[in-house]
Amino acid sequence: MRRRRSCVPRDRDDRGSIAIIVAVAFVPLAMALAVVADGGRVWMEKQELQNQVEASALAAAQSHAVDGTSCAPDALALVSGDATCSTVPTANGSVTTVSSSDDVSLFFAQLFGRSSAGVEASASVRIGPVESVTGLRPLAMCIGNEALVEWLASGKTSTEVYTIGVAATTPECGGKVPGNWGVLDFDGGSNSNRDTREWIANGYPGSVSVGETFDGDPGVPSTSMRLGNLVGQSVVLPVFENPRGQGSNAQYDVAGFVKVRLVGVTLSGSANKRNIKVVFESTSMRGSVGGIDAPNFGVSSWSVCSFDGKGVCS
């Protein structure tokens, strides 16, 4: 018996099969395209929101460090959507956190019934005592002098003119070192009056960090330092602790930094009449924040410590 041949060409059968395969694969391919295209859009919007809350948190922290304003409106305006802000005190500073959320419109995903996706972002900035300072003056103040202790007790708000004598008035500043004031040799070796006068006038160009130990220049602050040229100016000074030794063997540990406006300088006459008059000031500057146990003498800095809750800010 003779077999009948099919009237349908073989290649037509193949084309039909391919069409069916393409039709079946279209849905997952379209879904993959939606995930890639819309996913990229969501990622970009997330990054933009993250940049905004970071800038807002830094601005809010700086404002709080400078004048105590918590979550300043100008800082929150850096976020395009609604933002929440909080400032929480810590042992020696505070932590400012800014958070925000937004809805991102989706394009391809609308084919599958989803029109938007939510994104969230947050950033926390820790405010605390600055860890290192560049441009420091070499005149150091003792951590235990009565004026500094009184100013700190006022919450760093007193604008009183304090007269800080050269001679020590407390055990922390006494011993064989000069007393309430010391002159530090930042670069080591044999330090000349010319170096000291240069640092007094323009600041030491290197960086000085909390915890460093420096030798002292022999003797008490003197008229040769030309401190009188700084009267009326505000300068940042190191605060020392644990003074020991004497003369060229004196050593001081840097405990932190303080900003003062020099009102008067008297470095001649009898030792009990020599003094430096200052007004303490709070300030902030860029730089890393010191450890959680570092004392805060009113010179603060700020740094990002957490993104989206990831990081240690305490």
Protein backbone atom coordinates (compact mmCIF):
# COMPACT_ATOMS: atom_id res chain seq x y z
CA MET A 1 0.00 0.00 0.00
CA ARG A 2 1.35 3.43 -0.89
CA ARG A 3 1.65 6.00 1.92
CA ARG A 4 0.16 9.40 1.53
CA ARG A 5 2.48 12.31 1.81
CA SER A 6 1.57 15.21 4.10
CA CYS A 7 0.29 18.30 2.37
CA VAL A 8 1.93 20.57 4.98
CA PRO A 9 5.58 21.40 4.29
CA ARG A 10 8.02 20.46 7.03
CA ASP A 11 9.42 23.99 7.38
CA ARG A 12 5.94 25.32 8.00
CA ASP A 13 5.62 22.90 10.90
CA ASP A 14 8.92 24.25 12.30
CA ARG A 15 7.81 27.86 11.98
CA GLY A 16 4.67 27.08 13.88
CA SER A 17 6.61 25.41 16.67
CA ILE A 18 8.99 28.39 17.00
CA ALA A 19 6.06 30.80 17.15
CA ILE A 20 4.54 28.81 19.98
CA ILE A 21 7.88 28.77 21.86
CA VAL A 22 8.31 32.52 21.43
CA ALA A 23 4.77 33.16 22.61
CA VAL A 24 5.29 31.01 25.68
CA ALA A 25 8.68 32.62 26.48
CA PHE A 26 7.44 36.19 26.03
CA VAL A 27 5.97 36.47 29.50
CA PRO A 28 9.11 35.51 31.46
CA LEU A 29 11.27 37.55 29.08
CA ALA A 30 9.06 40.58 29.62
CA MET A 31 9.15 40.04 33.36
CA ALA A 32 12.96 39.83 33.29
CA LEU A 33 13.09 43.07 31.30
CA ALA A 34 10.80 44.72 33.84
CA VAL A 35 12.99 43.57 36.73
CA VAL A 36 16.17 44.84 35.08
CA ALA A 37 14.82 48.19 33.88
CA ASP A 38 12.66 49.04 36.87
CA GLY A 39 15.19 47.57 39.30
CA GLY A 40 17.86 49.90 37.95
CA ARG A 41 15.51 52.84 38.33
CA VAL A 42 14.74 51.90 41.93
CA TRP A 43 18.47 51.55 42.69
CA MET A 44 19.24 55.00 41.26
CA GLU A 45 16.41 56.62 43.24
CA LYS A 46 17.62 54.83 46.37
CA GLN A 47 21.14 56.20 45.89
CA GLU A 48 19.82 59.72 45.30
CA LEU A 49 17.73 59.55 48.46
CA GLN A 50 20.72 58.21 50.39
CA ASN A 51 22.86 61.11 49.22
CA GLN A 52 20.18 63.57 50.29
CA VAL A 53 19.74 62.19 53.80
CA GLU A 54 23.52 62.02 54.27
CA ALA A 55 23.92 65.68 53.27
CA SER A 56 20.96 66.61 55.48
CA ALA A 57 22.33 64.71 58.50
CA LEU A 58 25.76 66.33 58.11
CA ALA A 59 24.23 69.81 57.85
CA ALA A 60 21.96 69.18 60.84
CA ALA A 61 24.87 67.86 62.91
CA GLN A 62 27.04 70.84 62.02
CA SER A 63 24.27 73.24 63.01
CA HIS A 64 23.82 71.43 66.32
CA ALA A 65 27.57 71.49 66.99
CA VAL A 66 27.84 75.21 66.26
CA ASP A 67 24.83 76.70 68.02
CA GLY A 68 22.89 73.82 69.58
CA THR A 69 20.07 73.93 67.01
CA SER A 70 18.57 70.47 66.72
CA CYS A 71 17.40 69.37 63.25
CA ALA A 72 17.57 72.80 61.63
CA PRO A 73 14.86 73.34 58.94
CA ASP A 74 17.48 74.43 56.40
CA ALA A 75 19.25 71.11 56.81
CA LEU A 76 16.06 69.06 56.37
CA ALA A 77 15.25 71.05 53.22
CA LEU A 78 18.09 69.18 51.49
CA VAL A 79 15.80 66.13 51.29
CA SER A 80 13.32 66.35 48.42
CA GLY A 81 10.62 64.38 50.26
CA ASP A 82 9.43 64.30 53.83
CA ALA A 83 12.23 63.74 56.33
CA THR A 84 12.29 62.82 59.98
CA CYS A 85 15.13 63.93 62.22
CA SER A 86 16.28 63.31 65.77
CA THR A 87 19.26 64.29 67.90
CA VAL A 88 20.12 62.00 70.79
CA PRO A 89 22.72 62.95 73.43
CA THR A 90 25.68 60.66 74.08
CA ALA A 91 28.32 60.58 76.82
CA ASN A 92 30.41 63.34 75.23
CA GLY A 93 28.37 64.61 72.29
CA SER A 94 25.29 63.58 70.34
CA VAL A 95 24.06 61.61 67.33
CA THR A 96 21.84 63.19 64.67
CA THR A 97 19.81 60.86 62.44
CA VAL A 98 17.84 61.84 59.32
CA SER A 99 15.49 59.37 57.61
CA SER A 100 13.26 59.58 54.58
CA SER A 101 11.19 57.39 52.28
CA ASP A 102 9.77 57.79 48.77
CA ASP A 103 7.76 55.98 46.12
CA VAL A 104 9.41 55.27 42.77
CA SER A 105 7.17 55.00 39.71
CA LEU A 106 7.65 51.79 37.74
CA PHE A 107 7.19 51.49 33.97
CA PHE A 108 7.42 47.91 32.71
CA ALA A 109 6.14 46.43 35.95
CA GLN A 110 2.79 48.11 35.30
CA LEU A 111 2.15 45.33 32.76
CA PHE A 112 1.95 43.01 35.72
CA GLY A 113 -0.10 45.21 38.02
CA ARG A 114 2.64 46.99 39.99
CA SER A 115 2.95 50.74 39.51
CA SER A 116 5.46 51.79 42.21
CA ALA A 117 8.07 50.63 44.69
CA GLY A 118 9.06 52.16 48.03
CA VAL A 119 12.63 53.16 48.93
CA GLU A 120 13.97 54.19 52.32
CA ALA A 121 17.23 55.73 53.46
CA SER A 122 18.76 56.99 56.70
CA ALA A 123 22.07 58.40 57.86
CA SER A 124 23.44 59.07 61.34
CA VAL A 125 26.20 61.51 62.19
CA ARG A 126 28.08 61.48 65.48
CA ILE A 127 29.10 64.80 67.00
CA GLY A 128 31.87 64.80 69.56
CA PRO A 129 35.26 66.16 70.54
CA VAL A 130 37.64 66.52 67.61
CA GLU A 131 40.44 63.96 67.58
CA SER A 132 43.18 65.99 65.89
CA VAL A 133 43.81 69.61 64.95
CA THR A 134 46.02 71.32 62.39
CA GLY A 135 47.18 74.90 62.87
CA LEU A 136 47.35 74.61 66.66
CA ARG A 137 49.03 77.21 68.85
CA PRO A 138 51.76 75.81 71.15
CA LEU A 139 50.39 77.48 74.30
CA ALA A 140 48.75 74.68 76.30
CA MET A 141 46.17 75.00 79.07
CA CYS A 142 46.06 72.68 82.07
CA ILE A 143 42.97 70.45 82.27
CA GLY A 144 42.54 71.15 85.98
CA ASN A 145 42.66 74.94 86.06
CA GLU A 146 39.69 76.49 87.82
CA ALA A 147 38.56 78.66 84.92
CA LEU A 148 38.21 75.72 82.51
CA VAL A 149 36.43 73.62 85.13
CA GLU A 150 34.00 76.46 85.83
CA TRP A 151 33.30 77.07 82.14
CA LEU A 152 32.59 73.39 81.53
CA ALA A 153 30.25 73.37 84.53
CA SER A 154 28.28 76.21 82.94
CA GLY A 155 27.45 73.91 80.04
CA LYS A 156 30.00 75.75 77.88
CA THR A 157 27.70 78.77 77.77
CA SER A 158 29.45 81.29 80.02
CA THR A 159 30.81 84.40 78.30
CA GLU A 160 32.70 85.57 81.37
CA VAL A 161 36.25 86.85 81.05
CA TYR A 162 38.44 84.41 83.00
CA THR A 163 41.82 85.38 84.38
CA ILE A 164 44.08 82.33 84.37
CA GLY A 165 47.28 82.87 86.27
CA VAL A 166 50.55 81.33 85.19
CA ALA A 167 51.14 79.85 88.64
CA ALA A 168 49.31 76.62 89.43
CA THR A 169 46.29 76.75 91.74
CA THR A 170 45.31 73.06 91.71
CA PRO A 171 47.27 69.81 92.22
CA GLU A 172 46.57 68.69 88.63
CA CYS A 173 48.52 71.67 87.32
CA GLY A 174 51.22 71.85 89.98
CA GLY A 175 54.42 70.00 90.52
CA LYS A 176 57.67 71.05 88.90
CA VAL A 177 56.15 72.11 85.57
CA PRO A 178 55.11 75.76 85.06
CA GLY A 179 51.47 75.41 86.18
CA ASN A 180 48.24 76.47 84.46
CA TRP A 181 50.06 77.14 81.20
CA GLY A 182 52.77 75.30 79.30
CA VAL A 183 54.53 75.76 75.98
CA LEU A 184 54.74 72.61 73.83
CA ASP A 185 57.50 71.62 71.44
CA PHE A 186 55.47 70.13 68.59
CA ASP A 187 58.31 69.02 66.31
CA GLY A 188 60.82 67.80 68.91
CA GLY A 189 64.53 68.51 69.09
CA SER A 190 65.96 71.86 69.97
CA ASN A 191 63.17 74.36 69.61
CA SER A 192 64.00 78.02 69.13
CA ASN A 193 61.99 81.09 70.10
CA ARG A 194 61.67 81.75 66.39
CA ASP A 195 59.72 78.48 65.92
CA THR A 196 57.52 79.25 68.90
CA ARG A 197 56.77 82.76 67.67
CA GLU A 198 55.94 81.38 64.21
CA TRP A 199 53.49 78.84 65.70
CA ILE A 200 51.98 81.51 67.94
CA ALA A 201 51.43 83.82 64.97
CA ASN A 202 50.27 81.31 62.34
CA GLY A 203 49.73 77.96 64.05
CA TYR A 204 51.72 74.74 63.83
CA PRO A 205 51.34 73.36 60.26
CA GLY A 206 51.32 69.73 61.37
CA SER A 207 48.54 67.72 62.99
CA VAL A 208 48.32 67.22 66.76
CA SER A 209 46.14 64.40 68.13
CA VAL A 210 44.56 63.56 71.46
CA GLY A 211 46.77 61.22 73.44
CA GLU A 212 50.08 62.45 72.03
CA THR A 213 52.89 63.35 74.41
CA PHE A 214 55.06 66.41 73.82
CA ASP A 215 58.11 67.87 75.47
CA GLY A 216 57.73 71.31 76.93
CA ASP A 217 59.82 74.35 76.17
CA PRO A 218 61.67 75.29 79.36
CA GLY A 219 60.13 78.00 81.48
CA VAL A 220 56.73 79.69 81.64
CA PRO A 221 55.11 81.64 78.79
CA SER A 222 57.15 84.80 78.33
CA THR A 223 56.96 88.13 76.56
CA SER A 224 59.37 86.80 73.92
CA MET A 225 56.53 84.65 72.56
CA ARG A 226 54.66 87.80 71.48
CA LEU A 227 51.35 86.48 72.73
CA GLY A 228 50.13 90.05 72.95
CA ASN A 229 49.78 90.06 69.16
CA LEU A 230 46.90 87.59 69.55
CA VAL A 231 44.82 89.78 71.86
CA GLY A 232 41.35 90.12 70.34
CA GLN A 233 41.74 86.94 68.28
CA SER A 234 40.15 83.52 68.79
CA VAL A 235 42.54 80.57 68.69
CA VAL A 236 42.45 76.83 69.39
CA LEU A 237 44.83 75.60 72.08
CA PRO A 238 45.77 72.14 73.35
CA VAL A 239 44.59 71.07 76.80
CA PHE A 240 47.20 69.07 78.69
CA GLU A 241 47.05 66.57 81.52
CA ASN A 242 49.55 64.54 83.53
CA PRO A 243 52.36 67.15 83.48
CA ARG A 244 55.67 65.75 84.68
CA GLY A 245 59.36 66.52 84.74
CA GLN A 246 60.83 69.96 84.76
CA GLY A 247 62.68 72.37 82.51
CA SER A 248 63.78 70.77 79.25
CA ASN A 249 62.62 67.36 80.56
CA ALA A 250 59.01 68.46 81.11
CA GLN A 251 56.37 66.40 79.29
CA TYR A 252 52.64 66.91 78.69
CA ASP A 253 49.89 64.59 77.42
CA VAL A 254 47.34 66.17 75.10
CA ALA A 255 43.84 65.56 76.52
CA GLY A 256 41.88 67.62 73.98
CA PHE A 257 41.46 71.08 72.53
CA VAL A 258 39.80 74.31 73.60
CA LYS A 259 38.99 77.54 71.77
CA VAL A 260 39.51 80.87 73.51
CA ARG A 261 39.45 84.54 72.62
CA LEU A 262 42.45 86.27 74.16
CA VAL A 263 41.40 89.39 76.03
CA GLY A 264 44.65 90.32 77.78
CA VAL A 265 48.18 89.07 78.36
CA THR A 266 50.41 89.96 81.30
CA LEU A 267 53.69 88.01 81.29
CA SER A 268 56.01 90.40 83.08
CA GLY A 269 56.40 91.28 86.75
CA SER A 270 56.21 88.91 89.70
CA ALA A 271 55.10 85.31 89.02
CA ASN A 272 51.83 85.63 90.99
CA LYS A 273 50.75 88.57 88.80
CA ARG A 274 51.41 86.97 85.44
CA ASN A 275 48.22 85.84 83.75
CA ILE A 276 46.32 85.41 80.50
CA LYS A 277 42.70 86.61 80.24
CA VAL A 278 40.41 84.58 77.98
CA VAL A 279 36.79 84.10 76.98
CA PHE A 280 35.99 80.45 76.23
CA GLU A 281 34.16 79.67 73.00
CA SER A 282 32.55 76.59 71.48
CA THR A 283 33.33 75.76 67.88
CA SER A 284 33.22 72.94 65.36
CA MET A 285 35.55 71.85 62.59
CA ARG A 286 35.91 69.07 60.08
CA GLY A 287 37.80 66.02 61.23
CA SER A 288 37.43 62.65 62.87
CA VAL A 289 35.62 62.38 66.17
CA GLY A 290 37.54 61.21 69.23
CA GLY A 291 36.71 58.14 71.29
CA ILE A 292 33.58 57.90 73.37
CA ASP A 293 35.59 58.52 76.56
CA ALA A 294 37.42 61.58 75.23
CA PRO A 295 36.64 64.75 77.20
CA ASN A 296 34.83 67.49 75.28
CA PHE A 297 36.21 70.97 75.85
CA GLY A 298 33.94 72.62 73.30
CA VAL A 299 35.86 71.95 70.08
CA SER A 300 33.66 69.47 68.25
CA SER A 301 33.68 67.64 64.97
CA TRP A 302 31.29 65.35 63.17
CA SER A 303 31.46 62.19 61.04
CA VAL A 304 28.98 59.76 59.49
CA CYS A 305 28.67 56.71 61.72
CA SER A 306 25.75 54.79 60.20
CA PHE A 307 23.91 54.22 56.91
CA ASP A 308 20.47 52.61 57.05
CA GLY A 309 21.14 51.51 60.61
CA LYS A 310 24.42 49.80 59.74
CA GLY A 311 27.26 51.18 61.82
CA VAL A 312 28.16 52.00 65.41
CA CYS A 313 27.29 55.47 66.68
CA SER A 314 27.37 54.98 70.45
